[in-house]
Amino acid sequence: MKKIIKNIFKFFLLLIVAGIIFIAWANYSIKKNSDAYVSYNITDIPETKTALLLGTSKNLNSGLPNAYFYNRIQATVDLYKSGKIKYIIVSGDNSTKDYNEPEDMLLTLMRYGIPEDRIFLDHAGFRTLDSVVRAKEIFGQTKLVIISQKFHNERAVFLAKENGIDAFGYNAKDVNKYAGFKTNMREYLAKAKAYYDLLLGIEPKFGGEKILIP
């Protein structure tokens, strides 16, 4: 009996070690493959008809403003006003009546002077994979500038390229390391899951009618 328990323990230990190696490899691989396609410098960004702004909550659980949200908004405004992009897909979670990331982004972008007819809403961007694939399948875009923080853009650009999209990431300003600690730790697992989803051929949760961007 002791031998069986010992063998079971060894098996689970090997699984844990293999999981850690896979997570480390996935993070290294995604960062390496996307490094040349993400930038903080607006002059590096190619002129592209459409940008994909990835959603996050407007406010933190404490009720305070979410710096991730407002930094992404500012990056989008800077890109639009520089003439690098003409249209914006705002993609985020709208899973409940009282939580609407795309609507919050739309209203905030309009307050910064971006016309409403230049903004397209994707209410089914529940995950980064959904947002990226839907930009191609629903909105017909095969070339995108993706806007988020660098850690997120690395994964988004990787997923976009794996799905046949010519993608470049414009990095919004990050938040301080203390405030973003949980988010950055979560990202290690998210990058591993990105590979896992590709291996299993996971598709967006929802499809829908195609939306034409002029």
N, C-alpha and C. Protein backbone atom coordinates (compact mmCIF):
# COMPACT_ATOMS: atom_id res chain seq x y z
N MET A 1 0.83 -1.21 0.00
CA MET A 1 0.00 0.00 0.00
C MET A 1 0.87 1.27 0.00
N LYS A 2 1.94 1.23 0.81
CA LYS A 2 2.84 2.37 0.86
C LYS A 2 3.48 2.65 -0.50
N LYS A 3 3.80 1.54 -1.22
CA LYS A 3 4.42 1.68 -2.53
C LYS A 3 3.48 2.35 -3.52
N ILE A 4 2.18 1.98 -3.44
CA ILE A 4 1.16 2.56 -4.33
C ILE A 4 1.03 4.06 -4.06
N ILE A 5 0.96 4.41 -2.76
CA ILE A 5 0.83 5.82 -2.37
C ILE A 5 2.05 6.60 -2.85
N LYS A 6 3.23 5.99 -2.71
CA LYS A 6 4.48 6.63 -3.13
C LYS A 6 4.48 6.88 -4.63
N ASN A 7 4.01 5.87 -5.39
CA ASN A 7 3.95 6.00 -6.85
C ASN A 7 2.94 7.07 -7.29
N ILE A 8 1.82 7.13 -6.58
CA ILE A 8 0.80 8.15 -6.88
C ILE A 8 1.38 9.54 -6.61
N PHE A 9 2.08 9.66 -5.48
CA PHE A 9 2.71 10.94 -5.12
C PHE A 9 3.71 11.36 -6.18
N LYS A 10 4.52 10.41 -6.65
CA LYS A 10 5.51 10.70 -7.70
C LYS A 10 4.83 11.16 -8.98
N PHE A 11 3.72 10.48 -9.31
CA PHE A 11 2.99 10.81 -10.53
C PHE A 11 2.48 12.25 -10.48
N PHE A 12 1.85 12.63 -9.35
CA PHE A 12 1.32 13.98 -9.22
C PHE A 12 2.45 15.02 -9.16
N LEU A 13 3.57 14.64 -8.57
CA LEU A 13 4.72 15.54 -8.52
C LEU A 13 5.24 15.80 -9.93
N LEU A 14 5.29 14.73 -10.75
CA LEU A 14 5.73 14.88 -12.14
C LEU A 14 4.76 15.77 -12.93
N LEU A 15 3.46 15.61 -12.65
CA LEU A 15 2.46 16.45 -13.32
C LEU A 15 2.66 17.92 -12.97
N ILE A 16 2.93 18.19 -11.70
CA ILE A 16 3.15 19.57 -11.25
C ILE A 16 4.39 20.16 -11.92
N VAL A 17 5.47 19.38 -11.94
CA VAL A 17 6.72 19.84 -12.57
C VAL A 17 6.50 20.10 -14.06
N ALA A 18 5.78 19.16 -14.72
CA ALA A 18 5.50 19.32 -16.15
C ALA A 18 4.66 20.57 -16.40
N GLY A 19 3.70 20.82 -15.49
CA GLY A 19 2.86 22.01 -15.63
C GLY A 19 3.65 23.29 -15.49
N ILE A 20 4.57 23.32 -14.54
CA ILE A 20 5.41 24.50 -14.33
C ILE A 20 6.31 24.74 -15.55
N ILE A 21 6.86 23.65 -16.09
CA ILE A 21 7.72 23.77 -17.28
C ILE A 21 6.91 24.29 -18.47
N PHE A 22 5.69 23.78 -18.62
CA PHE A 22 4.83 24.21 -19.73
C PHE A 22 4.48 25.69 -19.61
N ILE A 23 4.14 26.15 -18.41
CA ILE A 23 3.80 27.56 -18.19
C ILE A 23 5.00 28.45 -18.51
N ALA A 24 6.18 28.04 -18.03
CA ALA A 24 7.40 28.82 -18.28
C ALA A 24 7.71 28.88 -19.78
N TRP A 25 7.58 27.72 -20.45
CA TRP A 25 7.86 27.66 -21.89
C TRP A 25 6.86 28.51 -22.67
N ALA A 26 5.56 28.43 -22.33
CA ALA A 26 4.53 29.19 -23.03
C ALA A 26 4.78 30.69 -22.90
N ASN A 27 5.13 31.14 -21.71
CA ASN A 27 5.40 32.56 -21.50
C ASN A 27 6.61 33.01 -22.29
N TYR A 28 7.67 32.21 -22.27
CA TYR A 28 8.88 32.57 -23.02
C TYR A 28 8.60 32.61 -24.52
N SER A 29 7.90 31.60 -25.01
CA SER A 29 7.62 31.49 -26.43
C SER A 29 6.75 32.63 -26.94
N ILE A 30 5.68 32.95 -26.21
CA ILE A 30 4.78 34.02 -26.64
C ILE A 30 5.49 35.37 -26.62
N LYS A 31 6.26 35.63 -25.57
CA LYS A 31 7.00 36.89 -25.50
C LYS A 31 8.01 37.00 -26.64
N LYS A 32 8.72 35.92 -26.90
CA LYS A 32 9.73 35.92 -27.96
C LYS A 32 9.10 36.13 -29.34
N ASN A 33 7.99 35.44 -29.61
CA ASN A 33 7.36 35.51 -30.92
C ASN A 33 6.65 36.85 -31.18
N SER A 34 6.25 37.52 -30.12
CA SER A 34 5.51 38.77 -30.30
C SER A 34 6.36 40.02 -30.08
N ASP A 35 7.58 39.85 -29.62
CA ASP A 35 8.42 40.99 -29.21
C ASP A 35 8.59 42.03 -30.32
N ALA A 36 8.77 41.59 -31.55
CA ALA A 36 9.01 42.52 -32.67
C ALA A 36 7.73 43.23 -33.11
N TYR A 37 6.59 42.83 -32.56
CA TYR A 37 5.31 43.36 -33.04
C TYR A 37 4.55 44.15 -31.98
N VAL A 38 5.19 44.45 -30.86
CA VAL A 38 4.55 45.28 -29.84
C VAL A 38 5.48 46.45 -29.51
N SER A 39 4.89 47.62 -29.28
CA SER A 39 5.73 48.79 -29.03
C SER A 39 4.99 49.85 -28.22
N TYR A 40 5.77 50.62 -27.45
CA TYR A 40 5.25 51.79 -26.74
C TYR A 40 5.37 53.05 -27.61
N ASN A 41 6.10 52.93 -28.70
CA ASN A 41 6.42 54.09 -29.54
C ASN A 41 5.43 54.20 -30.69
N ILE A 42 4.70 55.30 -30.73
CA ILE A 42 3.65 55.46 -31.74
C ILE A 42 4.22 55.51 -33.15
N THR A 43 5.47 55.92 -33.30
CA THR A 43 6.07 55.97 -34.64
C THR A 43 6.35 54.57 -35.19
N ASP A 44 6.39 53.57 -34.33
CA ASP A 44 6.60 52.19 -34.78
C ASP A 44 5.33 51.56 -35.34
N ILE A 45 4.20 52.17 -35.04
CA ILE A 45 2.91 51.57 -35.41
C ILE A 45 2.60 51.82 -36.88
N PRO A 46 2.33 50.76 -37.64
CA PRO A 46 1.98 50.96 -39.05
C PRO A 46 0.58 51.55 -39.18
N GLU A 47 0.37 52.36 -40.21
CA GLU A 47 -0.98 52.90 -40.46
C GLU A 47 -1.90 51.73 -40.78
N THR A 48 -2.99 51.67 -40.04
CA THR A 48 -3.92 50.55 -40.15
C THR A 48 -5.34 51.08 -40.05
N LYS A 49 -6.23 50.56 -40.87
CA LYS A 49 -7.60 51.08 -40.86
C LYS A 49 -8.26 50.93 -39.49
N THR A 50 -8.06 49.78 -38.87
CA THR A 50 -8.83 49.47 -37.67
C THR A 50 -7.96 49.05 -36.50
N ALA A 51 -8.32 49.55 -35.33
CA ALA A 51 -7.68 49.13 -34.08
C ALA A 51 -8.66 48.29 -33.28
N LEU A 52 -8.12 47.39 -32.49
CA LEU A 52 -8.92 46.57 -31.58
C LEU A 52 -8.55 46.97 -30.16
N LEU A 53 -9.46 47.61 -29.47
CA LEU A 53 -9.24 48.01 -28.08
C LEU A 53 -9.80 46.92 -27.17
N LEU A 54 -8.92 46.29 -26.40
CA LEU A 54 -9.34 45.19 -25.53
C LEU A 54 -9.88 45.72 -24.21
N GLY A 55 -11.01 45.18 -23.80
CA GLY A 55 -11.75 45.71 -22.67
C GLY A 55 -11.23 45.31 -21.30
N THR A 56 -11.57 46.12 -20.34
CA THR A 56 -11.37 45.84 -18.93
C THR A 56 -12.36 46.70 -18.18
N SER A 57 -12.52 46.45 -16.89
CA SER A 57 -13.52 47.19 -16.12
C SER A 57 -13.11 48.65 -15.94
N LYS A 58 -14.10 49.52 -15.95
CA LYS A 58 -13.85 50.96 -15.79
C LYS A 58 -13.39 51.28 -14.38
N ASN A 59 -13.96 50.56 -13.41
CA ASN A 59 -13.62 50.79 -12.01
C ASN A 59 -13.16 49.50 -11.34
N LEU A 60 -12.35 49.65 -10.31
CA LEU A 60 -11.92 48.51 -9.50
C LEU A 60 -13.04 48.09 -8.56
N ASN A 61 -12.89 46.94 -7.91
CA ASN A 61 -13.90 46.48 -6.96
C ASN A 61 -14.11 47.48 -5.83
N SER A 62 -13.07 48.26 -5.54
CA SER A 62 -13.16 49.27 -4.48
C SER A 62 -13.97 50.49 -4.91
N GLY A 63 -14.26 50.56 -6.22
CA GLY A 63 -14.97 51.72 -6.75
C GLY A 63 -14.05 52.79 -7.32
N LEU A 64 -12.75 52.63 -7.09
CA LEU A 64 -11.78 53.58 -7.63
C LEU A 64 -11.60 53.38 -9.13
N PRO A 65 -11.19 54.40 -9.87
CA PRO A 65 -10.95 54.25 -11.31
C PRO A 65 -9.87 53.21 -11.59
N ASN A 66 -10.06 52.44 -12.65
CA ASN A 66 -9.10 51.40 -13.03
C ASN A 66 -8.08 52.00 -14.00
N ALA A 67 -6.83 52.07 -13.57
CA ALA A 67 -5.77 52.68 -14.39
C ALA A 67 -5.58 51.93 -15.70
N TYR A 68 -5.77 50.62 -15.70
CA TYR A 68 -5.65 49.85 -16.95
C TYR A 68 -6.62 50.38 -17.99
N PHE A 69 -7.85 50.62 -17.56
CA PHE A 69 -8.91 51.10 -18.47
C PHE A 69 -8.53 52.47 -19.05
N TYR A 70 -8.21 53.42 -18.19
CA TYR A 70 -7.96 54.79 -18.66
C TYR A 70 -6.66 54.91 -19.45
N ASN A 71 -5.68 54.09 -19.13
CA ASN A 71 -4.44 54.12 -19.93
C ASN A 71 -4.68 53.56 -21.33
N ARG A 72 -5.55 52.57 -21.44
CA ARG A 72 -5.89 52.03 -22.77
C ARG A 72 -6.69 53.06 -23.57
N ILE A 73 -7.58 53.76 -22.91
CA ILE A 73 -8.35 54.82 -23.58
C ILE A 73 -7.41 55.89 -24.11
N GLN A 74 -6.46 56.33 -23.28
CA GLN A 74 -5.52 57.37 -23.70
C GLN A 74 -4.68 56.91 -24.88
N ALA A 75 -4.24 55.66 -24.85
CA ALA A 75 -3.44 55.12 -25.97
C ALA A 75 -4.26 55.12 -27.25
N THR A 76 -5.53 54.78 -27.15
CA THR A 76 -6.42 54.75 -28.32
C THR A 76 -6.61 56.15 -28.89
N VAL A 77 -6.84 57.10 -28.01
CA VAL A 77 -7.02 58.50 -28.43
C VAL A 77 -5.75 59.00 -29.12
N ASP A 78 -4.60 58.69 -28.55
CA ASP A 78 -3.33 59.12 -29.15
C ASP A 78 -3.16 58.55 -30.55
N LEU A 79 -3.48 57.27 -30.71
CA LEU A 79 -3.37 56.62 -32.02
C LEU A 79 -4.31 57.25 -33.02
N TYR A 80 -5.55 57.47 -32.60
CA TYR A 80 -6.55 58.03 -33.52
C TYR A 80 -6.16 59.44 -33.95
N LYS A 81 -5.76 60.26 -33.00
CA LYS A 81 -5.43 61.65 -33.31
C LYS A 81 -4.12 61.77 -34.11
N SER A 82 -3.29 60.74 -34.05
CA SER A 82 -2.05 60.74 -34.84
C SER A 82 -2.32 60.36 -36.29
N GLY A 83 -3.54 59.87 -36.58
CA GLY A 83 -3.89 59.45 -37.93
C GLY A 83 -3.48 58.03 -38.27
N LYS A 84 -2.99 57.29 -37.26
CA LYS A 84 -2.55 55.91 -37.51
C LYS A 84 -3.72 54.96 -37.74
N ILE A 85 -4.87 55.27 -37.15
CA ILE A 85 -6.06 54.42 -37.28
C ILE A 85 -7.27 55.27 -37.64
N LYS A 86 -8.27 54.63 -38.26
CA LYS A 86 -9.48 55.34 -38.66
C LYS A 86 -10.71 54.85 -37.89
N TYR A 87 -10.72 53.56 -37.55
CA TYR A 87 -11.85 52.97 -36.84
C TYR A 87 -11.36 52.16 -35.64
N ILE A 88 -12.26 51.97 -34.69
CA ILE A 88 -11.91 51.25 -33.47
C ILE A 88 -13.00 50.23 -33.14
N ILE A 89 -12.59 48.99 -32.96
CA ILE A 89 -13.50 47.98 -32.40
C ILE A 89 -13.23 47.94 -30.90
N VAL A 90 -14.25 48.22 -30.09
CA VAL A 90 -14.10 48.09 -28.64
C VAL A 90 -14.73 46.77 -28.24
N SER A 91 -13.91 45.89 -27.72
CA SER A 91 -14.35 44.52 -27.47
C SER A 91 -14.18 44.17 -26.00
N GLY A 92 -15.27 43.75 -25.38
CA GLY A 92 -15.18 43.41 -23.97
C GLY A 92 -16.38 42.62 -23.49
N ASP A 93 -16.46 42.48 -22.20
CA ASP A 93 -17.47 41.66 -21.54
C ASP A 93 -18.74 42.46 -21.31
N ASN A 94 -19.86 41.85 -21.71
CA ASN A 94 -21.18 42.42 -21.43
C ASN A 94 -22.09 41.27 -21.01
N SER A 95 -21.59 40.47 -20.07
CA SER A 95 -22.28 39.23 -19.69
C SER A 95 -23.49 39.48 -18.79
N THR A 96 -23.55 40.65 -18.16
CA THR A 96 -24.72 40.98 -17.34
C THR A 96 -25.23 42.37 -17.71
N LYS A 97 -26.45 42.65 -17.30
CA LYS A 97 -27.09 43.93 -17.63
C LYS A 97 -26.33 45.11 -17.04
N ASP A 98 -25.74 44.93 -15.88
CA ASP A 98 -25.09 46.03 -15.17
C ASP A 98 -23.59 46.12 -15.43
N TYR A 99 -23.07 45.26 -16.31
CA TYR A 99 -21.63 45.29 -16.57
C TYR A 99 -21.41 45.32 -18.07
N ASN A 100 -20.91 46.43 -18.58
CA ASN A 100 -20.83 46.62 -20.03
C ASN A 100 -19.52 47.33 -20.39
N GLU A 101 -18.46 46.56 -20.57
CA GLU A 101 -17.17 47.14 -20.91
C GLU A 101 -17.19 47.91 -22.23
N PRO A 102 -17.77 47.34 -23.32
CA PRO A 102 -17.77 48.08 -24.60
C PRO A 102 -18.48 49.43 -24.51
N GLU A 103 -19.62 49.47 -23.80
CA GLU A 103 -20.37 50.72 -23.67
C GLU A 103 -19.56 51.75 -22.88
N ASP A 104 -18.90 51.30 -21.82
CA ASP A 104 -18.07 52.22 -21.02
C ASP A 104 -16.93 52.79 -21.87
N MET A 105 -16.32 51.94 -22.70
CA MET A 105 -15.23 52.41 -23.55
C MET A 105 -15.74 53.37 -24.61
N LEU A 106 -16.88 53.06 -25.21
CA LEU A 106 -17.48 53.93 -26.22
C LEU A 106 -17.72 55.33 -25.67
N LEU A 107 -18.39 55.40 -24.52
CA LEU A 107 -18.73 56.70 -23.94
C LEU A 107 -17.49 57.49 -23.55
N THR A 108 -16.48 56.78 -23.04
CA THR A 108 -15.26 57.48 -22.63
C THR A 108 -14.48 57.98 -23.84
N LEU A 109 -14.40 57.17 -24.89
CA LEU A 109 -13.72 57.60 -26.12
C LEU A 109 -14.41 58.82 -26.73
N MET A 110 -15.75 58.82 -26.69
CA MET A 110 -16.50 59.96 -27.23
C MET A 110 -16.23 61.23 -26.42
N ARG A 111 -16.05 61.09 -25.11
CA ARG A 111 -15.73 62.25 -24.28
C ARG A 111 -14.36 62.83 -24.64
N TYR A 112 -13.49 61.97 -25.19
CA TYR A 112 -12.16 62.42 -25.62
C TYR A 112 -12.18 62.93 -27.06
N GLY A 113 -13.36 62.97 -27.67
CA GLY A 113 -13.48 63.59 -28.98
C GLY A 113 -13.49 62.65 -30.17
N ILE A 114 -13.56 61.35 -29.94
CA ILE A 114 -13.62 60.41 -31.07
C ILE A 114 -15.08 60.23 -31.48
N PRO A 115 -15.42 60.47 -32.75
CA PRO A 115 -16.83 60.39 -33.19
C PRO A 115 -17.41 58.98 -33.01
N GLU A 116 -18.68 58.92 -32.67
CA GLU A 116 -19.35 57.65 -32.42
C GLU A 116 -19.34 56.75 -33.66
N ASP A 117 -19.41 57.35 -34.86
CA ASP A 117 -19.46 56.54 -36.07
C ASP A 117 -18.11 55.90 -36.42
N ARG A 118 -17.09 56.22 -35.65
CA ARG A 118 -15.77 55.60 -35.84
C ARG A 118 -15.54 54.43 -34.88
N ILE A 119 -16.53 54.16 -34.04
CA ILE A 119 -16.38 53.15 -33.00
C ILE A 119 -17.41 52.04 -33.20
N PHE A 120 -16.94 50.81 -33.18
CA PHE A 120 -17.81 49.64 -33.34
C PHE A 120 -17.74 48.78 -32.07
N LEU A 121 -18.91 48.36 -31.62
CA LEU A 121 -19.00 47.62 -30.35
C LEU A 121 -19.02 46.12 -30.58
N ASP A 122 -18.20 45.41 -29.83
CA ASP A 122 -18.26 43.95 -29.77
C ASP A 122 -18.55 43.57 -28.34
N HIS A 123 -19.81 43.19 -28.08
CA HIS A 123 -20.24 42.86 -26.72
C HIS A 123 -19.90 41.43 -26.31
N ALA A 124 -19.30 40.67 -27.21
CA ALA A 124 -19.01 39.26 -26.90
C ALA A 124 -17.52 38.99 -26.79
N GLY A 125 -16.76 40.01 -26.40
CA GLY A 125 -15.33 39.82 -26.20
C GLY A 125 -15.03 39.33 -24.78
N PHE A 126 -15.53 38.13 -24.48
CA PHE A 126 -15.41 37.63 -23.11
C PHE A 126 -13.97 37.25 -22.75
N ARG A 127 -13.20 36.87 -23.77
CA ARG A 127 -11.79 36.53 -23.57
C ARG A 127 -10.99 37.18 -24.70
N THR A 128 -9.69 37.22 -24.52
CA THR A 128 -8.84 37.78 -25.56
C THR A 128 -8.99 37.01 -26.86
N LEU A 129 -9.06 35.69 -26.77
CA LEU A 129 -9.24 34.86 -27.97
C LEU A 129 -10.51 35.26 -28.71
N ASP A 130 -11.61 35.43 -27.97
CA ASP A 130 -12.89 35.81 -28.57
C ASP A 130 -12.76 37.16 -29.29
N SER A 131 -12.15 38.13 -28.61
CA SER A 131 -12.02 39.47 -29.19
C SER A 131 -11.24 39.46 -30.49
N VAL A 132 -10.13 38.72 -30.48
CA VAL A 132 -9.24 38.69 -31.65
C VAL A 132 -9.90 37.96 -32.82
N VAL A 133 -10.43 36.79 -32.58
CA VAL A 133 -11.02 36.00 -33.66
C VAL A 133 -12.28 36.68 -34.21
N ARG A 134 -13.07 37.27 -33.33
CA ARG A 134 -14.28 37.96 -33.78
C ARG A 134 -13.95 39.20 -34.62
N ALA A 135 -12.82 39.84 -34.33
CA ALA A 135 -12.41 40.99 -35.15
C ALA A 135 -12.24 40.58 -36.60
N LYS A 136 -11.81 39.34 -36.80
CA LYS A 136 -11.64 38.82 -38.16
C LYS A 136 -12.94 38.24 -38.71
N GLU A 137 -13.58 37.37 -37.95
CA GLU A 137 -14.73 36.63 -38.45
C GLU A 137 -16.01 37.47 -38.51
N ILE A 138 -16.21 38.36 -37.55
CA ILE A 138 -17.44 39.16 -37.51
C ILE A 138 -17.23 40.52 -38.18
N PHE A 139 -16.09 41.15 -37.91
CA PHE A 139 -15.85 42.50 -38.42
C PHE A 139 -15.00 42.52 -39.69
N GLY A 140 -14.54 41.37 -40.14
CA GLY A 140 -13.85 41.25 -41.42
C GLY A 140 -12.46 41.86 -41.49
N GLN A 141 -11.79 42.02 -40.34
CA GLN A 141 -10.48 42.66 -40.33
C GLN A 141 -9.35 41.62 -40.32
N THR A 142 -8.46 41.73 -41.29
CA THR A 142 -7.31 40.81 -41.34
C THR A 142 -6.01 41.53 -40.99
N LYS A 143 -6.12 42.84 -40.70
CA LYS A 143 -4.97 43.62 -40.24
C LYS A 143 -5.46 44.49 -39.09
N LEU A 144 -4.74 44.46 -37.97
CA LEU A 144 -5.19 45.16 -36.77
C LEU A 144 -4.03 45.76 -36.00
N VAL A 145 -4.30 46.89 -35.35
CA VAL A 145 -3.46 47.35 -34.25
C VAL A 145 -4.24 47.02 -32.97
N ILE A 146 -3.64 46.26 -32.10
CA ILE A 146 -4.30 45.86 -30.85
C ILE A 146 -3.80 46.77 -29.73
N ILE A 147 -4.73 47.26 -28.93
CA ILE A 147 -4.38 48.20 -27.87
C ILE A 147 -4.67 47.60 -26.50
N SER A 148 -3.63 47.49 -25.71
CA SER A 148 -3.73 47.05 -24.31
C SER A 148 -2.37 47.28 -23.67
N GLN A 149 -2.20 46.80 -22.43
CA GLN A 149 -0.87 46.87 -21.83
C GLN A 149 0.04 45.81 -22.47
N LYS A 150 1.35 45.99 -22.34
CA LYS A 150 2.30 45.13 -23.04
C LYS A 150 2.09 43.66 -22.74
N PHE A 151 1.93 43.31 -21.45
CA PHE A 151 1.79 41.89 -21.09
C PHE A 151 0.60 41.26 -21.79
N HIS A 152 -0.46 42.05 -21.98
CA HIS A 152 -1.67 41.57 -22.63
C HIS A 152 -1.51 41.56 -24.15
N ASN A 153 -0.87 42.60 -24.67
CA ASN A 153 -0.64 42.68 -26.11
C ASN A 153 0.20 41.51 -26.63
N GLU A 154 1.17 41.07 -25.83
CA GLU A 154 2.01 39.94 -26.25
C GLU A 154 1.14 38.74 -26.58
N ARG A 155 0.21 38.45 -25.70
CA ARG A 155 -0.68 37.30 -25.90
C ARG A 155 -1.68 37.55 -27.03
N ALA A 156 -2.24 38.76 -27.08
CA ALA A 156 -3.24 39.08 -28.10
C ALA A 156 -2.65 39.03 -29.50
N VAL A 157 -1.45 39.61 -29.66
CA VAL A 157 -0.79 39.60 -30.98
C VAL A 157 -0.44 38.17 -31.38
N PHE A 158 0.03 37.38 -30.44
CA PHE A 158 0.34 35.97 -30.71
C PHE A 158 -0.91 35.23 -31.20
N LEU A 159 -2.02 35.40 -30.50
CA LEU A 159 -3.27 34.74 -30.89
C LEU A 159 -3.75 35.24 -32.25
N ALA A 160 -3.62 36.54 -32.48
CA ALA A 160 -4.05 37.10 -33.76
C ALA A 160 -3.26 36.50 -34.92
N LYS A 161 -1.96 36.44 -34.78
CA LYS A 161 -1.12 35.89 -35.84
C LYS A 161 -1.40 34.41 -36.07
N GLU A 162 -1.64 33.70 -34.99
CA GLU A 162 -1.98 32.28 -35.12
C GLU A 162 -3.31 32.07 -35.83
N ASN A 163 -4.15 33.11 -35.82
CA ASN A 163 -5.45 33.04 -36.50
C ASN A 163 -5.47 33.81 -37.82
N GLY A 164 -4.28 34.03 -38.39
CA GLY A 164 -4.19 34.60 -39.73
C GLY A 164 -4.41 36.09 -39.82
N ILE A 165 -4.15 36.82 -38.73
CA ILE A 165 -4.32 38.27 -38.73
C ILE A 165 -2.95 38.93 -38.68
N ASP A 166 -2.76 39.93 -39.53
CA ASP A 166 -1.53 40.72 -39.51
C ASP A 166 -1.70 41.73 -38.38
N ALA A 167 -1.09 41.45 -37.23
CA ALA A 167 -1.35 42.24 -36.03
C ALA A 167 -0.10 42.90 -35.48
N PHE A 168 -0.33 44.09 -34.90
CA PHE A 168 0.72 44.82 -34.21
C PHE A 168 0.11 45.35 -32.92
N GLY A 169 0.86 45.37 -31.84
CA GLY A 169 0.33 45.84 -30.56
C GLY A 169 0.88 47.19 -30.16
N TYR A 170 -0.03 48.11 -29.84
CA TYR A 170 0.40 49.40 -29.29
C TYR A 170 0.19 49.34 -27.78
N ASN A 171 1.29 49.45 -27.05
CA ASN A 171 1.25 49.26 -25.61
C ASN A 171 0.78 50.51 -24.87
N ALA A 172 -0.32 50.37 -24.15
CA ALA A 172 -0.75 51.44 -23.26
C ALA A 172 0.17 51.47 -22.05
N LYS A 173 0.21 52.61 -21.40
CA LYS A 173 1.02 52.75 -20.19
C LYS A 173 0.59 51.73 -19.15
N ASP A 174 1.55 51.09 -18.52
CA ASP A 174 1.26 50.09 -17.50
C ASP A 174 0.93 50.77 -16.18
N VAL A 175 0.50 49.98 -15.20
CA VAL A 175 0.30 50.52 -13.85
C VAL A 175 1.50 50.10 -13.01
N ASN A 176 1.63 50.67 -11.83
CA ASN A 176 2.80 50.32 -11.02
C ASN A 176 2.76 48.84 -10.62
N LYS A 177 3.93 48.28 -10.39
CA LYS A 177 4.06 46.84 -10.17
C LYS A 177 3.24 46.35 -8.98
N TYR A 178 3.13 47.18 -7.94
CA TYR A 178 2.37 46.76 -6.76
C TYR A 178 0.88 46.64 -7.10
N ALA A 179 0.35 47.66 -7.76
CA ALA A 179 -1.08 47.67 -8.11
C ALA A 179 -1.42 46.58 -9.11
N GLY A 180 -0.46 46.26 -10.00
CA GLY A 180 -0.73 45.28 -11.05
C GLY A 180 -0.21 43.88 -10.76
N PHE A 181 0.18 43.62 -9.50
CA PHE A 181 0.82 42.34 -9.17
C PHE A 181 -0.08 41.15 -9.50
N LYS A 182 -1.34 41.20 -9.03
CA LYS A 182 -2.26 40.09 -9.27
C LYS A 182 -2.50 39.87 -10.76
N THR A 183 -2.66 40.98 -11.49
CA THR A 183 -2.91 40.89 -12.94
C THR A 183 -1.73 40.25 -13.65
N ASN A 184 -0.52 40.66 -13.27
CA ASN A 184 0.68 40.11 -13.91
C ASN A 184 0.87 38.63 -13.59
N MET A 185 0.53 38.23 -12.36
CA MET A 185 0.63 36.82 -11.99
C MET A 185 -0.39 35.99 -12.76
N ARG A 186 -1.60 36.55 -12.92
CA ARG A 186 -2.64 35.86 -13.68
C ARG A 186 -2.23 35.66 -15.13
N GLU A 187 -1.46 36.63 -15.65
CA GLU A 187 -1.06 36.58 -17.04
C GLU A 187 -0.16 35.39 -17.34
N TYR A 188 0.65 34.95 -16.38
CA TYR A 188 1.49 33.77 -16.59
C TYR A 188 0.63 32.56 -16.95
N LEU A 189 -0.48 32.40 -16.23
CA LEU A 189 -1.39 31.29 -16.52
C LEU A 189 -2.15 31.53 -17.82
N ALA A 190 -2.50 32.78 -18.09
CA ALA A 190 -3.26 33.11 -19.30
C ALA A 190 -2.45 32.79 -20.56
N LYS A 191 -1.15 33.05 -20.52
CA LYS A 191 -0.31 32.74 -21.68
C LYS A 191 -0.24 31.23 -21.91
N ALA A 192 -0.18 30.47 -20.85
CA ALA A 192 -0.17 29.01 -20.99
C ALA A 192 -1.51 28.54 -21.56
N LYS A 193 -2.60 29.15 -21.09
CA LYS A 193 -3.93 28.76 -21.59
C LYS A 193 -4.10 29.12 -23.06
N ALA A 194 -3.42 30.18 -23.50
CA ALA A 194 -3.50 30.56 -24.92
C ALA A 194 -3.00 29.42 -25.80
N TYR A 195 -1.90 28.80 -25.40
CA TYR A 195 -1.38 27.65 -26.15
C TYR A 195 -2.34 26.47 -26.04
N TYR A 196 -2.86 26.27 -24.86
CA TYR A 196 -3.79 25.16 -24.62
C TYR A 196 -5.02 25.30 -25.51
N ASP A 197 -5.56 26.52 -25.61
CA ASP A 197 -6.73 26.77 -26.46
C ASP A 197 -6.42 26.51 -27.93
N LEU A 198 -5.21 26.90 -28.37
CA LEU A 198 -4.82 26.65 -29.76
C LEU A 198 -4.72 25.16 -30.05
N LEU A 199 -4.13 24.42 -29.12
CA LEU A 199 -3.98 22.98 -29.30
C LEU A 199 -5.33 22.28 -29.39
N LEU A 200 -6.30 22.78 -28.62
CA LEU A 200 -7.63 22.16 -28.61
C LEU A 200 -8.58 22.75 -29.65
N GLY A 201 -8.11 23.81 -30.33
CA GLY A 201 -8.97 24.44 -31.33
C GLY A 201 -10.17 25.15 -30.76
N ILE A 202 -10.01 25.75 -29.58
CA ILE A 202 -11.11 26.47 -28.93
C ILE A 202 -11.53 27.67 -29.77
N GLU A 203 -12.85 27.86 -29.91
CA GLU A 203 -13.37 28.96 -30.71
C GLU A 203 -14.15 29.94 -29.82
N PRO A 204 -14.44 31.14 -30.33
CA PRO A 204 -15.20 32.11 -29.54
C PRO A 204 -16.53 31.54 -29.07
N LYS A 205 -16.99 32.03 -27.93
CA LYS A 205 -18.24 31.54 -27.35
C LYS A 205 -19.44 31.84 -28.24
N PHE A 206 -19.42 33.01 -28.88
CA PHE A 206 -20.54 33.40 -29.73
C PHE A 206 -20.06 33.79 -31.13
N GLY A 207 -20.91 33.51 -32.11
CA GLY A 207 -20.69 33.98 -33.47
C GLY A 207 -21.55 35.22 -33.67
N GLY A 208 -22.30 35.25 -34.77
CA GLY A 208 -23.18 36.38 -35.02
C GLY A 208 -23.12 36.85 -36.45
N GLU A 209 -23.97 37.81 -36.77
CA GLU A 209 -23.99 38.37 -38.13
C GLU A 209 -22.77 39.25 -38.34
N LYS A 210 -22.30 39.26 -39.59
CA LYS A 210 -21.11 40.07 -39.90
C LYS A 210 -21.45 41.56 -39.86
N ILE A 211 -20.48 42.34 -39.40
CA ILE A 211 -20.64 43.79 -39.28
C ILE A 211 -19.63 44.46 -40.20
N LEU A 212 -20.11 45.32 -41.07
CA LEU A 212 -19.24 45.96 -42.06
C LEU A 212 -18.60 47.22 -41.49
N ILE A 213 -17.27 47.27 -41.55
CA ILE A 213 -16.55 48.50 -41.25
C ILE A 213 -16.18 49.13 -42.58
N PRO A 214 -16.56 50.40 -42.83
CA PRO A 214 -16.38 51.02 -44.15
C PRO A 214 -14.94 50.94 -44.65
